[in-house]
């Protein structure tokens, strides 16, 4: 690591944020669709009101009934996700901004893929290593028993289910196969006009009643999620590290660049997360 600080300076890199954190936040769909919280501690606790205080109509001069809110908390412990990028020393010795950009893009994509995989993919076997994402919530979410590729009816039901809880869904996310099937739907029998509409510059506009529909390869097949961003959080610890070492790949004339960040997910109202999936 003797060359680490020197090479960082040589590349014009003063801190890990612009090289790792900011690009990962741009690249990761999970981080874009949730509320991102930064913390310096090992555990971040979200306060949660489970029962609101009760109000009532009271006659004039009558005693007001005392009631109290019931509260608890949702603790989130960010877990370590690491990316390793190998570049040639020729690129490392290039002091242009583009060189640092290439390094940052590679690390960001590597880490962002792992973050999205944890958030959308199969529930982890060990939450001490990987944070639990949407699938880890199990039966605590609201489930719409329907095929998400059959049409927009299930998505309308999902919006209604969220509204019944006083929640607004900010986004839908589904897998590529489901998105492809939805993109082929037309406005009616004999019509060639896509149900999602065609934008003048953006091609197919994926949205359901104004709610954007995103696609991730890490969403399990035949599944769609309705996400309220104000109820779902991504916690990022501030101790992001960036280490550069030219010795480990000395014989190949390469430089190793390692980025480490810690990420966790917090669901303060899991029942407000809507899952659309047909029963097996």
C-alpha atoms as a PDB file:
ATOM      1  CA  UNK A   1       0.000   0.000   0.000  1.00  0.00           C
ATOM      2  CA  UNK A   2       3.037   2.280  -0.042  1.00  0.00           C
ATOM      3  CA  UNK A   3       2.043   3.687  -3.405  1.00  0.00           C
ATOM      4  CA  UNK A   4      -1.612   4.187  -2.495  1.00  0.00           C
ATOM      5  CA  UNK A   5      -1.631   7.828  -1.389  1.00  0.00           C
ATOM      6  CA  UNK A   6       0.878   8.805  -4.042  1.00  0.00           C
ATOM      7  CA  UNK A   7      -1.109   7.225  -6.834  1.00  0.00           C
ATOM      8  CA  UNK A   8      -4.350   8.755  -5.573  1.00  0.00           C
ATOM      9  CA  UNK A   9      -2.745  12.167  -5.751  1.00  0.00           C
ATOM     10  CA  UNK A  10      -1.267  11.346  -9.136  1.00  0.00           C
ATOM     11  CA  UNK A  11      -4.690  10.428 -10.471  1.00  0.00           C
ATOM     12  CA  UNK A  12      -6.258  13.500  -8.955  1.00  0.00           C
ATOM     13  CA  UNK A  13      -8.274  11.439  -6.463  1.00  0.00           C
ATOM     14  CA  UNK A  14      -8.575  13.118  -3.066  1.00  0.00           C
ATOM     15  CA  UNK A  15     -11.384  11.021  -1.557  1.00  0.00           C
ATOM     16  CA  UNK A  16     -13.473   7.936  -2.251  1.00  0.00           C
ATOM     17  CA  UNK A  17     -16.787   9.765  -2.542  1.00  0.00           C
ATOM     18  CA  UNK A  18     -16.531  11.085  -6.116  1.00  0.00           C
ATOM     19  CA  UNK A  19     -14.930   7.853  -7.312  1.00  0.00           C
ATOM     20  CA  UNK A  20     -17.163   5.282  -5.599  1.00  0.00           C
ATOM     21  CA  UNK A  21     -20.111   6.623  -3.594  1.00  0.00           C
ATOM     22  CA  UNK A  22     -21.551   9.076  -6.086  1.00  0.00           C
ATOM     23  CA  UNK A  23     -21.190   6.760  -9.118  1.00  0.00           C
ATOM     24  CA  UNK A  24     -22.700   3.838  -7.176  1.00  0.00           C
ATOM     25  CA  UNK A  25     -25.687   5.979  -6.211  1.00  0.00           C
ATOM     26  CA  UNK A  26     -26.142   6.782  -9.898  1.00  0.00           C
ATOM     27  CA  UNK A  27     -25.625   3.215 -11.130  1.00  0.00           C
ATOM     28  CA  UNK A  28     -27.653   1.309  -8.528  1.00  0.00           C
ATOM     29  CA  UNK A  29     -31.375   1.124  -9.253  1.00  0.00           C
ATOM     30  CA  UNK A  30     -32.013   0.135  -5.634  1.00  0.00           C
ATOM     31  CA  UNK A  31     -30.377   3.307  -4.357  1.00  0.00           C
ATOM     32  CA  UNK A  32     -32.219   5.462  -6.880  1.00  0.00           C
ATOM     33  CA  UNK A  33     -35.625   4.085  -5.867  1.00  0.00           C
ATOM     34  CA  UNK A  34     -35.136   4.336  -2.102  1.00  0.00           C
ATOM     35  CA  UNK A  35     -34.348   7.125   0.319  1.00  0.00           C
ATOM     36  CA  UNK A  36     -30.593   7.095   0.892  1.00  0.00           C
ATOM     37  CA  UNK A  37     -29.344   7.856   4.394  1.00  0.00           C
ATOM     38  CA  UNK A  38     -25.670   8.325   5.280  1.00  0.00           C
ATOM     39  CA  UNK A  39     -24.395   7.390   8.719  1.00  0.00           C
ATOM     40  CA  UNK A  40     -21.108   7.319  10.552  1.00  0.00           C
ATOM     41  CA  UNK A  41     -22.182   4.644  13.029  1.00  0.00           C
ATOM     42  CA  UNK A  42     -22.305   0.870  12.859  1.00  0.00           C
ATOM     43  CA  UNK A  43     -26.104   0.798  13.338  1.00  0.00           C
ATOM     44  CA  UNK A  44     -28.760   3.220  12.144  1.00  0.00           C
ATOM     45  CA  UNK A  45     -32.131   3.136  13.917  1.00  0.00           C
ATOM     46  CA  UNK A  46     -35.333   4.318  12.270  1.00  0.00           C
ATOM     47  CA  UNK A  47     -38.047   5.331  14.757  1.00  0.00           C
ATOM     48  CA  UNK A  48     -41.459   3.979  13.834  1.00  0.00           C
ATOM     49  CA  UNK A  49     -44.922   4.810  15.134  1.00  0.00           C
ATOM     50  CA  UNK A  50     -46.946   1.588  15.305  1.00  0.00           C
ATOM     51  CA  UNK A  51     -50.090   3.117  16.858  1.00  0.00           C
ATOM     52  CA  UNK A  52     -51.112   6.747  16.512  1.00  0.00           C
ATOM     53  CA  UNK A  53     -52.555   8.682  19.450  1.00  0.00           C
ATOM     54  CA  UNK A  54     -56.364   8.707  19.424  1.00  0.00           C
ATOM     55  CA  UNK A  55     -58.411  11.833  18.833  1.00  0.00           C
ATOM     56  CA  UNK A  56     -62.130  12.155  19.468  1.00  0.00           C
ATOM     57  CA  UNK A  57     -64.958  14.656  19.314  1.00  0.00           C
ATOM     58  CA  UNK A  58     -65.247  16.275  22.746  1.00  0.00           C
ATOM     59  CA  UNK A  59     -67.993  18.491  24.141  1.00  0.00           C
ATOM     60  CA  UNK A  60     -67.036  21.993  25.162  1.00  0.00           C
ATOM     61  CA  UNK A  61     -65.564  22.184  28.683  1.00  0.00           C
ATOM     62  CA  UNK A  62     -65.322  18.371  28.821  1.00  0.00           C
ATOM     63  CA  UNK A  63     -62.130  16.527  29.723  1.00  0.00           C
ATOM     64  CA  UNK A  64     -59.997  15.495  26.753  1.00  0.00           C
ATOM     65  CA  UNK A  65     -59.139  11.811  26.788  1.00  0.00           C
ATOM     66  CA  UNK A  66     -55.402  11.191  27.091  1.00  0.00           C
ATOM     67  CA  UNK A  67     -53.846   8.828  24.571  1.00  0.00           C
ATOM     68  CA  UNK A  68     -50.273   7.972  23.687  1.00  0.00           C
ATOM     69  CA  UNK A  69     -48.560   6.825  20.545  1.00  0.00           C
ATOM     70  CA  UNK A  70     -46.870   3.426  20.503  1.00  0.00           C
ATOM     71  CA  UNK A  71     -43.428   3.442  18.984  1.00  0.00           C
ATOM     72  CA  UNK A  72     -40.575   1.096  18.227  1.00  0.00           C
ATOM     73  CA  UNK A  73     -37.561   1.204  15.941  1.00  0.00           C
ATOM     74  CA  UNK A  74     -36.108  -0.538  12.910  1.00  0.00           C
ATOM     75  CA  UNK A  75     -32.355  -1.095  13.311  1.00  0.00           C
ATOM     76  CA  UNK A  76     -30.222  -1.327  10.170  1.00  0.00           C
ATOM     77  CA  UNK A  77     -26.641  -2.613  10.231  1.00  0.00           C
ATOM     78  CA  UNK A  78     -24.869  -1.856   6.923  1.00  0.00           C
ATOM     79  CA  UNK A  79     -22.923  -4.810   5.488  1.00  0.00           C
ATOM     80  CA  UNK A  80     -19.684  -4.699   3.546  1.00  0.00           C
ATOM     81  CA  UNK A  81     -19.733  -4.798  -0.240  1.00  0.00           C
ATOM     82  CA  UNK A  82     -16.415  -4.614  -2.041  1.00  0.00           C
ATOM     83  CA  UNK A  83     -15.301  -4.142  -5.612  1.00  0.00           C
ATOM     84  CA  UNK A  84     -11.889  -4.814  -7.117  1.00  0.00           C
ATOM     85  CA  UNK A  85     -10.777  -3.208 -10.349  1.00  0.00           C
ATOM     86  CA  UNK A  86      -7.571  -4.114 -12.183  1.00  0.00           C
ATOM     87  CA  UNK A  87      -6.111  -1.574 -14.600  1.00  0.00           C
ATOM     88  CA  UNK A  88      -2.894  -1.323 -16.533  1.00  0.00           C
ATOM     89  CA  UNK A  89      -0.161   0.864 -15.122  1.00  0.00           C
ATOM     90  CA  UNK A  90      -0.243   2.756 -18.400  1.00  0.00           C
ATOM     91  CA  UNK A  91      -3.776   3.841 -17.583  1.00  0.00           C
ATOM     92  CA  UNK A  92      -2.842   4.484 -13.962  1.00  0.00           C
ATOM     93  CA  UNK A  93      -0.035   6.761 -15.083  1.00  0.00           C
ATOM     94  CA  UNK A  94      -2.408   8.757 -17.248  1.00  0.00           C
ATOM     95  CA  UNK A  95      -3.188  11.891 -15.264  1.00  0.00           C
ATOM     96  CA  UNK A  96      -6.181  12.895 -17.379  1.00  0.00           C
ATOM     97  CA  UNK A  97      -9.640  13.076 -15.743  1.00  0.00           C
ATOM     98  CA  UNK A  98     -10.810  10.362 -18.125  1.00  0.00           C
ATOM     99  CA  UNK A  99      -8.450   7.862 -16.478  1.00  0.00           C
ATOM    100  CA  UNK A 100      -9.989   8.394 -13.064  1.00  0.00           C
ATOM    101  CA  UNK A 101     -13.422   8.212 -14.667  1.00  0.00           C
ATOM    102  CA  UNK A 102     -12.689   4.792 -16.166  1.00  0.00           C
ATOM    103  CA  UNK A 103     -11.543   3.535 -12.770  1.00  0.00           C
ATOM    104  CA  UNK A 104     -14.588   4.928 -11.006  1.00  0.00           C
ATOM    105  CA  UNK A 105     -17.025   3.554 -13.568  1.00  0.00           C
ATOM    106  CA  UNK A 106     -15.642   0.043 -13.216  1.00  0.00           C
ATOM    107  CA  UNK A 107     -15.824   0.046  -9.436  1.00  0.00           C
ATOM    108  CA  UNK A 108     -19.254   1.656  -9.400  1.00  0.00           C
ATOM    109  CA  UNK A 109     -20.732  -0.920 -11.762  1.00  0.00           C
ATOM    110  CA  UNK A 110     -19.215  -3.777  -9.781  1.00  0.00           C
ATOM    111  CA  UNK A 111     -20.547  -2.562  -6.430  1.00  0.00           C
ATOM    112  CA  UNK A 112     -23.890  -1.360  -7.798  1.00  0.00           C
ATOM    113  CA  UNK A 113     -24.608  -4.797  -9.261  1.00  0.00           C
ATOM    114  CA  UNK A 114     -24.082  -6.398  -5.864  1.00  0.00           C
ATOM    115  CA  UNK A 115     -26.301  -3.818  -4.142  1.00  0.00           C
ATOM    116  CA  UNK A 116     -29.130  -4.369  -6.642  1.00  0.00           C
ATOM    117  CA  UNK A 117     -28.739  -8.135  -6.413  1.00  0.00           C
ATOM    118  CA  UNK A 118     -29.096  -7.961  -2.623  1.00  0.00           C
ATOM    119  CA  UNK A 119     -32.104  -5.628  -2.798  1.00  0.00           C
ATOM    120  CA  UNK A 120     -34.129  -7.327  -5.560  1.00  0.00           C
ATOM    121  CA  UNK A 121     -32.795 -10.888  -5.644  1.00  0.00           C
ATOM    122  CA  UNK A 122     -33.162 -14.048  -3.596  1.00  0.00           C
ATOM    123  CA  UNK A 123     -33.210 -13.623   0.176  1.00  0.00           C
ATOM    124  CA  UNK A 124     -29.720 -14.134   1.610  1.00  0.00           C
ATOM    125  CA  UNK A 125     -28.870 -17.271   3.551  1.00  0.00           C
ATOM    126  CA  UNK A 126     -26.865 -15.228   6.048  1.00  0.00           C
ATOM    127  CA  UNK A 127     -27.942 -11.655   6.845  1.00  0.00           C
ATOM    128  CA  UNK A 128     -24.748 -11.191   8.869  1.00  0.00           C
ATOM    129  CA  UNK A 129     -22.935 -11.033   5.528  1.00  0.00           C
ATOM    130  CA  UNK A 130     -25.512  -9.655   3.100  1.00  0.00           C
ATOM    131  CA  UNK A 131     -28.416  -7.337   3.950  1.00  0.00           C
ATOM    132  CA  UNK A 132     -31.936  -8.629   3.448  1.00  0.00           C
ATOM    133  CA  UNK A 133     -33.797  -7.034   0.551  1.00  0.00           C
ATOM    134  CA  UNK A 134     -37.341  -7.215  -0.768  1.00  0.00           C
ATOM    135  CA  UNK A 135     -37.567 -11.018  -0.921  1.00  0.00           C
ATOM    136  CA  UNK A 136     -36.360 -11.216   2.679  1.00  0.00           C
ATOM    137  CA  UNK A 137     -39.527  -9.436   3.828  1.00  0.00           C
ATOM    138  CA  UNK A 138     -41.520 -12.609   3.142  1.00  0.00           C
ATOM    139  CA  UNK A 139     -45.217 -12.447   4.002  1.00  0.00           C
ATOM    140  CA  UNK A 140     -44.971  -9.057   5.692  1.00  0.00           C
ATOM    141  CA  UNK A 141     -45.473  -7.351   2.320  1.00  0.00           C
ATOM    142  CA  UNK A 142     -48.835  -6.888   0.613  1.00  0.00           C
ATOM    143  CA  UNK A 143     -49.159  -9.547  -2.080  1.00  0.00           C
ATOM    144  CA  UNK A 144     -51.226  -9.178  -5.243  1.00  0.00           C
ATOM    145  CA  UNK A 145     -51.911 -12.677  -6.570  1.00  0.00           C
ATOM    146  CA  UNK A 146     -51.664 -12.041 -10.299  1.00  0.00           C
ATOM    147  CA  UNK A 147     -49.395 -12.462 -13.286  1.00  0.00           C
ATOM    148  CA  UNK A 148     -47.514  -9.129 -13.619  1.00  0.00           C
ATOM    149  CA  UNK A 149     -47.049  -9.670 -17.362  1.00  0.00           C
ATOM    150  CA  UNK A 150     -50.770 -10.085 -18.130  1.00  0.00           C
ATOM    151  CA  UNK A 151     -51.671  -6.386 -18.100  1.00  0.00           C
ATOM    152  CA  UNK A 152     -51.928  -3.314 -15.922  1.00  0.00           C
ATOM    153  CA  UNK A 153     -54.870  -4.509 -13.801  1.00  0.00           C
ATOM    154  CA  UNK A 154     -52.560  -5.988 -11.141  1.00  0.00           C
ATOM    155  CA  UNK A 155     -50.617  -2.727 -10.988  1.00  0.00           C
ATOM    156  CA  UNK A 156     -53.818  -0.781 -10.477  1.00  0.00           C
ATOM    157  CA  UNK A 157     -54.685  -3.161  -7.621  1.00  0.00           C
ATOM    158  CA  UNK A 158     -51.236  -2.530  -6.167  1.00  0.00           C
ATOM    159  CA  UNK A 159     -51.752   1.224  -6.274  1.00  0.00           C
ATOM    160  CA  UNK A 160     -55.114   0.811  -4.561  1.00  0.00           C
ATOM    161  CA  UNK A 161     -53.596  -1.426  -1.861  1.00  0.00           C
ATOM    162  CA  UNK A 162     -50.949   1.181  -1.125  1.00  0.00           C
ATOM    163  CA  UNK A 163     -53.493   3.991  -1.057  1.00  0.00           C
ATOM    164  CA  UNK A 164     -55.566   2.020   1.459  1.00  0.00           C
ATOM    165  CA  UNK A 165     -52.564   2.334   3.782  1.00  0.00           C
ATOM    166  CA  UNK A 166     -52.173   6.034   3.047  1.00  0.00           C
ATOM    167  CA  UNK A 167     -49.056   5.362   1.005  1.00  0.00           C
ATOM    168  CA  UNK A 168     -48.135   6.457  -2.510  1.00  0.00           C
ATOM    169  CA  UNK A 169     -46.061   4.123  -4.646  1.00  0.00           C
ATOM    170  CA  UNK A 170     -43.185   5.963  -6.284  1.00  0.00           C
ATOM    171  CA  UNK A 171     -42.055   3.179  -8.636  1.00  0.00           C
ATOM    172  CA  UNK A 172     -42.672  -0.317  -9.960  1.00  0.00           C
ATOM    173  CA  UNK A 173     -39.801  -2.697 -10.719  1.00  0.00           C
ATOM    174  CA  UNK A 174     -39.980  -5.958 -12.639  1.00  0.00           C
ATOM    175  CA  UNK A 175     -37.781  -8.472 -14.459  1.00  0.00           C
ATOM    176  CA  UNK A 176     -36.817  -8.094 -18.144  1.00  0.00           C
ATOM    177  CA  UNK A 177     -39.096 -10.907 -19.369  1.00  0.00           C
ATOM    178  CA  UNK A 178     -42.149  -9.399 -17.703  1.00  0.00           C
ATOM    179  CA  UNK A 179     -41.229  -5.946 -19.004  1.00  0.00           C
ATOM    180  CA  UNK A 180     -40.925  -7.330 -22.523  1.00  0.00           C
ATOM    181  CA  UNK A 181     -44.386  -8.918 -22.314  1.00  0.00           C
ATOM    182  CA  UNK A 182     -45.883  -5.669 -21.045  1.00  0.00           C
ATOM    183  CA  UNK A 183     -44.207  -3.704 -23.833  1.00  0.00           C
ATOM    184  CA  UNK A 184     -45.975  -5.890 -26.411  1.00  0.00           C
ATOM    185  CA  UNK A 185     -49.441  -5.160 -25.025  1.00  0.00           C
ATOM    186  CA  UNK A 186     -51.579  -2.912 -27.194  1.00  0.00           C
ATOM    187  CA  UNK A 187     -54.385  -0.524 -26.369  1.00  0.00           C
ATOM    188  CA  UNK A 188     -57.011  -2.843 -27.806  1.00  0.00           C
ATOM    189  CA  UNK A 189     -57.850  -5.683 -30.154  1.00  0.00           C
ATOM    190  CA  UNK A 190     -56.590  -4.957 -33.655  1.00  0.00           C
ATOM    191  CA  UNK A 191     -54.492  -2.013 -32.466  1.00  0.00           C
ATOM    192  CA  UNK A 192     -50.746  -1.718 -32.937  1.00  0.00           C
ATOM    193  CA  UNK A 193     -50.417   1.161 -30.484  1.00  0.00           C
ATOM    194  CA  UNK A 194     -48.425   0.047 -27.418  1.00  0.00           C
ATOM    195  CA  UNK A 195     -50.322   0.228 -24.142  1.00  0.00           C
ATOM    196  CA  UNK A 196     -47.455   2.145 -22.565  1.00  0.00           C
ATOM    197  CA  UNK A 197     -47.402   4.732 -25.334  1.00  0.00           C
ATOM    198  CA  UNK A 198     -44.535   5.943 -27.449  1.00  0.00           C
ATOM    199  CA  UNK A 199     -42.570   9.055 -26.573  1.00  0.00           C
ATOM    200  CA  UNK A 200     -41.161  11.394 -29.183  1.00  0.00           C
ATOM    201  CA  UNK A 201     -37.608  11.010 -27.899  1.00  0.00           C
ATOM    202  CA  UNK A 202     -37.633   8.315 -25.200  1.00  0.00           C
ATOM    203  CA  UNK A 203     -39.200   5.383 -27.040  1.00  0.00           C
ATOM    204  CA  UNK A 204     -41.553   3.305 -24.926  1.00  0.00           C
ATOM    205  CA  UNK A 205     -42.542   5.183 -21.781  1.00  0.00           C
ATOM    206  CA  UNK A 206     -42.887   2.544 -19.091  1.00  0.00           C
ATOM    207  CA  UNK A 207     -45.337   3.796 -16.496  1.00  0.00           C
ATOM    208  CA  UNK A 208     -48.608   2.745 -14.934  1.00  0.00           C
ATOM    209  CA  UNK A 209     -50.981   5.633 -14.292  1.00  0.00           C
ATOM    210  CA  UNK A 210     -48.007   7.938 -14.037  1.00  0.00           C
ATOM    211  CA  UNK A 211     -45.893   5.636 -11.814  1.00  0.00           C
ATOM    212  CA  UNK A 212     -42.585   4.734 -13.523  1.00  0.00           C
ATOM    213  CA  UNK A 213     -41.946   1.062 -14.267  1.00  0.00           C
ATOM    214  CA  UNK A 214     -38.269   0.092 -14.004  1.00  0.00           C
ATOM    215  CA  UNK A 215     -36.503  -3.087 -15.049  1.00  0.00           C
ATOM    216  CA  UNK A 216     -33.809  -5.011 -13.187  1.00  0.00           C
ATOM    217  CA  UNK A 217     -32.265  -8.357 -14.131  1.00  0.00           C
ATOM    218  CA  UNK A 218     -32.078  -9.188 -10.422  1.00  0.00           C
ATOM    219  CA  UNK A 219     -35.847  -9.196  -9.853  1.00  0.00           C
ATOM    220  CA  UNK A 220     -36.999 -12.816  -9.662  1.00  0.00           C
ATOM    221  CA  UNK A 221     -38.845 -14.000 -12.820  1.00  0.00           C
ATOM    222  CA  UNK A 222     -42.573 -13.357 -12.831  1.00  0.00           C
ATOM    223  CA  UNK A 223     -42.368 -10.754 -10.084  1.00  0.00           C
ATOM    224  CA  UNK A 224     -43.071  -7.036  -9.893  1.00  0.00           C
ATOM    225  CA  UNK A 225     -42.631  -4.746  -6.900  1.00  0.00           C
ATOM    226  CA  UNK A 226     -44.380  -1.538  -5.956  1.00  0.00           C
ATOM    227  CA  UNK A 227     -42.009   0.585  -3.884  1.00  0.00           C
ATOM    228  CA  UNK A 228     -42.846   3.651  -1.762  1.00  0.00           C
ATOM    229  CA  UNK A 229     -39.538   5.500  -1.526  1.00  0.00           C
ATOM    230  CA  UNK A 230     -40.517   7.275   1.703  1.00  0.00           C
ATOM    231  CA  UNK A 231     -40.991   3.915   3.476  1.00  0.00           C
ATOM    232  CA  UNK A 232     -37.909   2.138   2.125  1.00  0.00           C
ATOM    233  CA  UNK A 233     -34.390   3.277   3.006  1.00  0.00           C
ATOM    234  CA  UNK A 234     -30.845   2.462   1.984  1.00  0.00           C
ATOM    235  CA  UNK A 235     -28.281   3.178   4.691  1.00  0.00           C
ATOM    236  CA  UNK A 236     -24.721   3.939   3.575  1.00  0.00           C
ATOM    237  CA  UNK A 237     -21.900   4.150   6.065  1.00  0.00           C
ATOM    238  CA  UNK A 238     -19.499   7.026   5.609  1.00  0.00           C
ATOM    239  CA  UNK A 239     -16.335   4.950   6.084  1.00  0.00           C
ATOM    240  CA  UNK A 240     -15.923   4.195   2.384  1.00  0.00           C
ATOM    241  CA  UNK A 241     -12.360   3.122   1.631  1.00  0.00           C
ATOM    242  CA  UNK A 242     -10.309   3.293  -1.514  1.00  0.00           C
ATOM    243  CA  UNK A 243      -7.005   1.440  -1.629  1.00  0.00           C
ATOM    244  CA  UNK A 244      -4.597   1.247  -4.522  1.00  0.00           C
ATOM    245  CA  UNK A 245      -1.772  -1.276  -4.723  1.00  0.00           C
ATOM    246  CA  UNK A 246       0.768  -1.723  -7.542  1.00  0.00           C
ATOM    247  CA  UNK A 247       2.619  -4.639  -5.922  1.00  0.00           C
ATOM    248  CA  UNK A 248       0.021  -7.446  -6.023  1.00  0.00           C
ATOM    249  CA  UNK A 249       0.083  -7.569  -9.844  1.00  0.00           C
ATOM    250  CA  UNK A 250       3.697  -6.458 -10.202  1.00  0.00           C
ATOM    251  CA  UNK A 251       4.585  -9.138 -12.782  1.00  0.00           C
ATOM    252  CA  UNK A 252       1.687  -8.073 -15.011  1.00  0.00           C
ATOM    253  CA  UNK A 253       2.439  -4.358 -14.822  1.00  0.00           C
ATOM    254  CA  UNK A 254      -1.037  -3.756 -13.409  1.00  0.00           C
ATOM    255  CA  UNK A 255      -2.554  -1.797 -10.538  1.00  0.00           C
ATOM    256  CA  UNK A 256      -5.243  -3.106  -8.205  1.00  0.00           C
ATOM    257  CA  UNK A 257      -7.858  -0.648  -6.985  1.00  0.00           C
ATOM    258  CA  UNK A 258     -10.197  -1.802  -4.212  1.00  0.00           C
ATOM    259  CA  UNK A 259     -13.304   0.023  -3.098  1.00  0.00           C
ATOM    260  CA  UNK A 260     -15.253  -0.951   0.016  1.00  0.00           C
ATOM    261  CA  UNK A 261     -18.549   0.476   1.204  1.00  0.00           C
ATOM    262  CA  UNK A 262     -21.170  -0.710   3.665  1.00  0.00           C
ATOM    263  CA  UNK A 263     -24.863  -0.760   2.767  1.00  0.00           C
ATOM    264  CA  UNK A 264     -28.036  -1.859   4.545  1.00  0.00           C
ATOM    265  CA  UNK A 265     -31.767  -1.647   3.836  1.00  0.00           C
ATOM    266  CA  UNK A 266     -34.478  -0.427   6.172  1.00  0.00           C
ATOM    267  CA  UNK A 267     -38.204  -1.083   5.728  1.00  0.00           C
ATOM    268  CA  UNK A 268     -40.130   1.032   8.211  1.00  0.00           C
ATOM    269  CA  UNK A 269     -43.517  -0.090   6.853  1.00  0.00           C
ATOM    270  CA  UNK A 270     -43.029  -3.414   5.049  1.00  0.00           C
ATOM    271  CA  UNK A 271     -46.767  -3.880   4.479  1.00  0.00           C
ATOM    272  CA  UNK A 272     -46.634  -0.794   2.256  1.00  0.00           C
ATOM    273  CA  UNK A 273     -44.311  -2.648  -0.146  1.00  0.00           C
ATOM    274  CA  UNK A 274     -46.477  -4.336  -2.768  1.00  0.00           C
ATOM    275  CA  UNK A 275     -45.478  -7.602  -4.458  1.00  0.00           C
ATOM    276  CA  UNK A 276     -47.222  -8.733  -7.639  1.00  0.00           C
ATOM    277  CA  UNK A 277     -46.709 -12.423  -8.298  1.00  0.00           C
ATOM    278  CA  UNK A 278     -49.009 -15.252  -9.323  1.00  0.00           C
ATOM    279  CA  UNK A 279     -49.389 -18.041  -6.755  1.00  0.00           C
ATOM    280  CA  UNK A 280     -47.392 -21.162  -7.598  1.00  0.00           C
END
